[in-house]
């Protein structure tokens, strides 16, 4: 059986860990809450977990420096979610509401290159 992070290269995994280590406790809580909301809609099976891994990979590829940006990247997996497209959209809406209620940024935390 293949783990959900098997398709994620080692460098990306290291980036995820480094970003987590630099995050404050509140941002960690926001990240965990968003992932929990997503999994409650998508399911906690292998496919649900693989969607989480894909989003994290896209976040690192984009240069996000805070995992609490998770909700901003949900739409990035549309087209890759197979039978769960409607659930991905639903999670996106619910997590957008969560982000608004908690006054989270609407743009990813990353270095702006000039």
N, C-alpha and C. Protein backbone atom coordinates (compact mmCIF):
# COMPACT_ATOMS: atom_id res chain seq x y z
N UNK A 1 0.84 -1.18 0.00
CA UNK A 1 0.00 0.00 0.00
C UNK A 1 0.89 1.24 0.00
N UNK A 2 0.56 2.18 -0.85
CA UNK A 2 1.34 3.40 -1.01
C UNK A 2 0.83 4.48 -0.05
N UNK A 3 1.73 5.16 0.66
CA UNK A 3 1.34 6.25 1.55
C UNK A 3 0.92 7.47 0.76
N UNK A 4 0.14 8.33 1.37
CA UNK A 4 -0.39 9.49 0.65
C UNK A 4 0.69 10.50 0.28
N UNK A 5 1.82 10.47 0.97
CA UNK A 5 2.90 11.39 0.65
C UNK A 5 3.98 10.75 -0.24
N UNK A 6 3.72 9.54 -0.72
CA UNK A 6 4.69 8.86 -1.59
C UNK A 6 4.94 9.64 -2.88
N UNK A 7 3.92 10.32 -3.37
CA UNK A 7 4.06 11.09 -4.61
C UNK A 7 4.69 12.46 -4.40
N UNK A 8 5.01 12.79 -3.17
CA UNK A 8 5.61 14.09 -2.85
C UNK A 8 7.12 13.89 -2.70
N UNK A 9 7.89 14.69 -3.45
CA UNK A 9 9.34 14.50 -3.41
C UNK A 9 9.92 14.92 -2.05
N UNK A 10 11.11 14.43 -1.76
CA UNK A 10 11.75 14.65 -0.47
C UNK A 10 11.98 16.13 -0.18
N UNK A 11 12.35 16.89 -1.19
CA UNK A 11 12.60 18.33 -0.99
C UNK A 11 11.33 19.04 -0.55
N UNK A 12 10.21 18.69 -1.15
CA UNK A 12 8.93 19.29 -0.78
C UNK A 12 8.55 18.90 0.64
N UNK A 13 8.77 17.64 1.01
CA UNK A 13 8.49 17.20 2.38
C UNK A 13 9.31 18.00 3.38
N UNK A 14 10.58 18.24 3.06
CA UNK A 14 11.44 19.02 3.94
C UNK A 14 10.94 20.45 4.08
N UNK A 15 10.47 21.03 2.96
CA UNK A 15 9.93 22.39 3.00
C UNK A 15 8.71 22.45 3.91
N UNK A 16 7.83 21.46 3.81
CA UNK A 16 6.63 21.44 4.65
C UNK A 16 7.02 21.44 6.12
N UNK A 17 7.99 20.61 6.49
CA UNK A 17 8.43 20.52 7.88
C UNK A 17 9.04 21.85 8.32
N UNK A 18 9.87 22.47 7.48
CA UNK A 18 10.49 23.75 7.83
C UNK A 18 9.44 24.84 8.02
N UNK A 19 8.45 24.88 7.15
CA UNK A 19 7.39 25.87 7.28
C UNK A 19 6.64 25.65 8.59
N UNK A 20 6.31 24.39 8.90
CA UNK A 20 5.62 24.07 10.15
C UNK A 20 6.43 24.55 11.36
N UNK A 21 7.72 24.29 11.34
CA UNK A 21 8.58 24.66 12.46
C UNK A 21 8.61 26.17 12.69
N UNK A 22 8.51 26.97 11.63
CA UNK A 22 8.56 28.44 11.75
C UNK A 22 7.22 29.06 12.13
N UNK A 23 6.16 28.29 12.02
CA UNK A 23 4.82 28.83 12.28
C UNK A 23 4.56 29.01 13.77
N UNK A 24 3.76 30.02 14.08
CA UNK A 24 3.32 30.22 15.46
C UNK A 24 2.19 29.25 15.80
N UNK A 25 1.93 29.14 17.08
CA UNK A 25 0.90 28.19 17.56
C UNK A 25 -0.48 28.49 16.96
N UNK A 26 -0.84 29.75 16.87
CA UNK A 26 -2.15 30.13 16.35
C UNK A 26 -2.30 29.71 14.88
N UNK A 27 -1.25 29.95 14.07
CA UNK A 27 -1.30 29.54 12.66
C UNK A 27 -1.35 28.03 12.53
N UNK A 28 -0.66 27.33 13.41
CA UNK A 28 -0.73 25.86 13.39
C UNK A 28 -2.16 25.41 13.66
N UNK A 29 -2.81 26.05 14.64
CA UNK A 29 -4.20 25.71 14.94
C UNK A 29 -5.11 25.98 13.75
N UNK A 30 -4.91 27.13 13.07
CA UNK A 30 -5.72 27.45 11.89
C UNK A 30 -5.53 26.39 10.80
N UNK A 31 -4.29 25.96 10.60
CA UNK A 31 -4.01 24.93 9.60
C UNK A 31 -4.73 23.63 9.95
N UNK A 32 -4.57 23.19 11.18
CA UNK A 32 -5.19 21.93 11.63
C UNK A 32 -6.71 22.02 11.49
N UNK A 33 -7.29 23.14 11.87
CA UNK A 33 -8.74 23.30 11.76
C UNK A 33 -9.21 23.18 10.31
N UNK A 34 -8.49 23.82 9.38
CA UNK A 34 -8.87 23.79 7.97
C UNK A 34 -8.76 22.38 7.39
N UNK A 35 -7.69 21.68 7.74
CA UNK A 35 -7.52 20.31 7.27
C UNK A 35 -8.62 19.42 7.84
N UNK A 36 -8.94 19.61 9.12
CA UNK A 36 -10.00 18.81 9.74
C UNK A 36 -11.34 19.07 9.07
N UNK A 37 -11.63 20.32 8.75
CA UNK A 37 -12.88 20.64 8.05
C UNK A 37 -12.90 19.95 6.68
N UNK A 38 -11.80 20.07 5.95
CA UNK A 38 -11.72 19.45 4.62
C UNK A 38 -11.93 17.94 4.71
N UNK A 39 -11.25 17.30 5.66
CA UNK A 39 -11.36 15.85 5.77
C UNK A 39 -12.74 15.41 6.23
N UNK A 40 -13.42 16.26 7.00
CA UNK A 40 -14.78 15.90 7.43
C UNK A 40 -15.73 15.87 6.23
N UNK A 41 -15.39 16.61 5.19
CA UNK A 41 -16.22 16.64 3.98
C UNK A 41 -15.73 15.63 2.95
N UNK A 42 -14.41 15.55 2.76
CA UNK A 42 -13.84 14.67 1.74
C UNK A 42 -13.73 13.23 2.20
N UNK A 43 -13.64 13.02 3.50
CA UNK A 43 -13.41 11.69 4.04
C UNK A 43 -11.96 11.55 4.47
N UNK A 44 -11.73 10.66 5.39
CA UNK A 44 -10.37 10.46 5.89
C UNK A 44 -9.74 9.20 5.30
N UNK A 45 -10.29 8.75 4.18
CA UNK A 45 -9.72 7.60 3.49
C UNK A 45 -8.48 8.03 2.71
N UNK A 46 -7.89 7.11 1.98
CA UNK A 46 -6.67 7.41 1.23
C UNK A 46 -6.87 8.55 0.24
N UNK A 47 -8.02 8.59 -0.45
CA UNK A 47 -8.24 9.64 -1.43
C UNK A 47 -8.35 11.01 -0.75
N UNK A 48 -9.07 11.08 0.36
CA UNK A 48 -9.18 12.34 1.10
C UNK A 48 -7.82 12.83 1.56
N UNK A 49 -7.02 11.91 2.08
CA UNK A 49 -5.68 12.27 2.54
C UNK A 49 -4.78 12.67 1.38
N UNK A 50 -4.94 12.01 0.24
CA UNK A 50 -4.10 12.35 -0.91
C UNK A 50 -4.43 13.75 -1.43
N UNK A 51 -5.69 14.19 -1.29
CA UNK A 51 -6.05 15.55 -1.68
C UNK A 51 -5.32 16.56 -0.79
N UNK A 52 -5.22 16.25 0.50
CA UNK A 52 -4.49 17.10 1.43
C UNK A 52 -3.02 17.18 1.00
N UNK A 53 -2.42 16.04 0.68
CA UNK A 53 -1.02 16.00 0.26
C UNK A 53 -0.81 16.81 -1.02
N UNK A 54 -1.75 16.72 -1.97
CA UNK A 54 -1.63 17.48 -3.21
C UNK A 54 -1.66 18.98 -2.93
N UNK A 55 -2.55 19.39 -2.04
CA UNK A 55 -2.63 20.81 -1.71
C UNK A 55 -1.34 21.28 -1.06
N UNK A 56 -0.82 20.51 -0.12
CA UNK A 56 0.44 20.89 0.52
C UNK A 56 1.57 20.99 -0.50
N UNK A 57 1.61 20.06 -1.44
CA UNK A 57 2.62 20.11 -2.50
C UNK A 57 2.51 21.38 -3.33
N UNK A 58 1.27 21.74 -3.68
CA UNK A 58 1.06 22.96 -4.47
C UNK A 58 1.42 24.21 -3.68
N UNK A 59 1.16 24.18 -2.39
CA UNK A 59 1.52 25.32 -1.54
C UNK A 59 3.03 25.52 -1.54
N UNK A 60 3.78 24.45 -1.41
CA UNK A 60 5.23 24.55 -1.37
C UNK A 60 5.76 24.96 -2.74
N UNK A 61 5.15 24.44 -3.79
CA UNK A 61 5.54 24.80 -5.15
C UNK A 61 5.35 26.30 -5.39
N UNK A 62 4.28 26.86 -4.82
CA UNK A 62 3.96 28.26 -4.98
C UNK A 62 4.79 29.16 -4.05
N UNK A 63 5.46 28.57 -3.08
CA UNK A 63 6.30 29.34 -2.17
C UNK A 63 5.60 29.82 -0.91
N UNK A 64 4.44 29.23 -0.59
CA UNK A 64 3.74 29.63 0.63
C UNK A 64 4.64 29.39 1.84
N UNK A 65 4.64 30.35 2.75
CA UNK A 65 5.48 30.26 3.93
C UNK A 65 4.68 30.04 5.20
N UNK A 66 3.41 29.65 5.06
CA UNK A 66 2.57 29.43 6.23
C UNK A 66 1.49 28.42 5.85
N UNK A 67 1.43 27.31 6.55
CA UNK A 67 0.45 26.27 6.22
C UNK A 67 -0.98 26.70 6.51
N UNK A 68 -1.16 27.81 7.23
CA UNK A 68 -2.52 28.30 7.45
C UNK A 68 -3.12 28.86 6.15
N UNK A 69 -2.32 28.94 5.09
CA UNK A 69 -2.81 29.32 3.76
C UNK A 69 -3.58 28.18 3.09
N UNK A 70 -3.66 27.05 3.74
CA UNK A 70 -4.26 25.84 3.16
C UNK A 70 -5.55 26.12 2.39
N UNK A 71 -6.48 26.84 2.99
CA UNK A 71 -7.78 27.08 2.35
C UNK A 71 -7.70 27.86 1.06
N UNK A 72 -6.64 28.63 0.88
CA UNK A 72 -6.47 29.41 -0.34
C UNK A 72 -6.11 28.52 -1.53
N UNK A 73 -5.69 27.31 -1.26
CA UNK A 73 -5.21 26.42 -2.32
C UNK A 73 -6.17 25.28 -2.66
N UNK A 74 -7.31 25.25 -2.04
CA UNK A 74 -8.24 24.14 -2.28
C UNK A 74 -8.65 24.06 -3.75
N UNK A 75 -8.96 25.18 -4.35
CA UNK A 75 -9.38 25.15 -5.75
C UNK A 75 -8.29 24.66 -6.69
N UNK A 76 -7.04 24.69 -6.24
CA UNK A 76 -5.94 24.26 -7.10
C UNK A 76 -6.00 22.78 -7.44
N UNK A 77 -6.79 22.00 -6.68
CA UNK A 77 -6.87 20.57 -6.97
C UNK A 77 -8.11 20.19 -7.77
N UNK A 78 -8.94 21.18 -8.11
CA UNK A 78 -10.09 20.86 -8.96
C UNK A 78 -9.57 20.27 -10.26
N UNK A 79 -10.19 19.26 -10.73
CA UNK A 79 -9.72 18.55 -11.91
C UNK A 79 -8.87 17.34 -11.55
N UNK A 80 -8.38 17.29 -10.31
CA UNK A 80 -7.58 16.16 -9.84
C UNK A 80 -8.33 15.38 -8.77
N UNK A 81 -9.54 15.82 -8.44
CA UNK A 81 -10.27 15.24 -7.31
C UNK A 81 -11.23 14.13 -7.72
N UNK A 82 -11.19 13.73 -8.97
CA UNK A 82 -12.02 12.63 -9.48
C UNK A 82 -13.48 12.78 -9.06
N UNK A 83 -14.00 11.83 -8.32
CA UNK A 83 -15.41 11.80 -7.95
C UNK A 83 -15.76 12.79 -6.84
N UNK A 84 -14.79 13.51 -6.33
CA UNK A 84 -15.05 14.37 -5.17
C UNK A 84 -15.04 15.86 -5.51
N UNK A 85 -15.21 16.19 -6.79
CA UNK A 85 -15.19 17.60 -7.20
C UNK A 85 -16.21 18.43 -6.42
N UNK A 86 -17.44 17.93 -6.28
CA UNK A 86 -18.47 18.68 -5.55
C UNK A 86 -18.07 18.85 -4.09
N UNK A 87 -17.46 17.81 -3.52
CA UNK A 87 -17.03 17.90 -2.12
C UNK A 87 -15.87 18.87 -1.97
N UNK A 88 -15.01 18.96 -2.98
CA UNK A 88 -13.90 19.92 -2.93
C UNK A 88 -14.46 21.33 -2.94
N UNK A 89 -15.44 21.58 -3.81
CA UNK A 89 -16.06 22.91 -3.87
C UNK A 89 -16.75 23.24 -2.54
N UNK A 90 -17.47 22.27 -1.98
CA UNK A 90 -18.17 22.48 -0.71
C UNK A 90 -17.17 22.81 0.39
N UNK A 91 -16.08 22.06 0.46
CA UNK A 91 -15.06 22.33 1.48
C UNK A 91 -14.46 23.71 1.27
N UNK A 92 -14.26 24.09 0.01
CA UNK A 92 -13.72 25.42 -0.28
C UNK A 92 -14.61 26.51 0.27
N UNK A 93 -15.91 26.37 0.09
CA UNK A 93 -16.85 27.38 0.59
C UNK A 93 -16.85 27.43 2.12
N UNK A 94 -16.89 26.27 2.74
CA UNK A 94 -16.92 26.21 4.21
C UNK A 94 -15.62 26.77 4.79
N UNK A 95 -14.50 26.42 4.19
CA UNK A 95 -13.22 26.91 4.71
C UNK A 95 -13.05 28.39 4.42
N UNK A 96 -13.58 28.89 3.30
CA UNK A 96 -13.57 30.34 3.06
C UNK A 96 -14.30 31.07 4.18
N UNK A 97 -15.45 30.53 4.57
CA UNK A 97 -16.22 31.12 5.67
C UNK A 97 -15.41 31.09 6.96
N UNK A 98 -14.76 29.96 7.23
CA UNK A 98 -13.91 29.83 8.42
C UNK A 98 -12.81 30.89 8.40
N UNK A 99 -12.17 31.07 7.23
CA UNK A 99 -11.08 32.03 7.10
C UNK A 99 -11.58 33.45 7.34
N UNK A 100 -12.77 33.76 6.84
CA UNK A 100 -13.32 35.11 7.05
C UNK A 100 -13.64 35.34 8.52
N UNK A 101 -14.26 34.36 9.16
CA UNK A 101 -14.61 34.50 10.58
C UNK A 101 -13.38 34.70 11.46
N UNK A 102 -12.27 34.13 11.04
CA UNK A 102 -11.03 34.23 11.82
C UNK A 102 -10.08 35.30 11.28
N UNK A 103 -10.57 36.11 10.36
CA UNK A 103 -9.80 37.22 9.77
C UNK A 103 -8.44 36.76 9.23
N UNK A 104 -8.44 35.61 8.56
CA UNK A 104 -7.20 35.12 7.95
C UNK A 104 -6.98 35.82 6.61
N UNK A 105 -5.76 35.93 6.20
CA UNK A 105 -5.39 36.59 4.96
C UNK A 105 -6.06 35.93 3.75
N UNK A 106 -6.36 36.76 2.76
CA UNK A 106 -6.93 36.24 1.52
C UNK A 106 -5.87 36.05 0.44
N UNK A 107 -4.62 36.30 0.80
CA UNK A 107 -3.48 36.06 -0.11
C UNK A 107 -2.45 35.21 0.62
N UNK A 108 -1.76 34.35 -0.10
CA UNK A 108 -0.77 33.49 0.54
C UNK A 108 0.37 34.28 1.20
N UNK A 109 0.88 33.74 2.28
CA UNK A 109 2.05 34.31 2.95
C UNK A 109 3.28 33.83 2.18
N UNK A 110 3.87 34.71 1.43
CA UNK A 110 5.10 34.33 0.73
C UNK A 110 5.89 35.58 0.39
N UNK A 111 7.16 35.37 0.10
CA UNK A 111 8.04 36.46 -0.28
C UNK A 111 7.59 36.99 -1.62
N UNK A 112 7.51 38.30 -1.72
CA UNK A 112 7.21 38.94 -2.99
C UNK A 112 8.53 39.24 -3.66
N UNK A 113 8.72 38.66 -4.82
CA UNK A 113 9.97 38.90 -5.55
C UNK A 113 9.76 40.08 -6.48
N UNK A 114 10.66 41.04 -6.38
CA UNK A 114 10.57 42.23 -7.22
C UNK A 114 11.51 42.13 -8.38
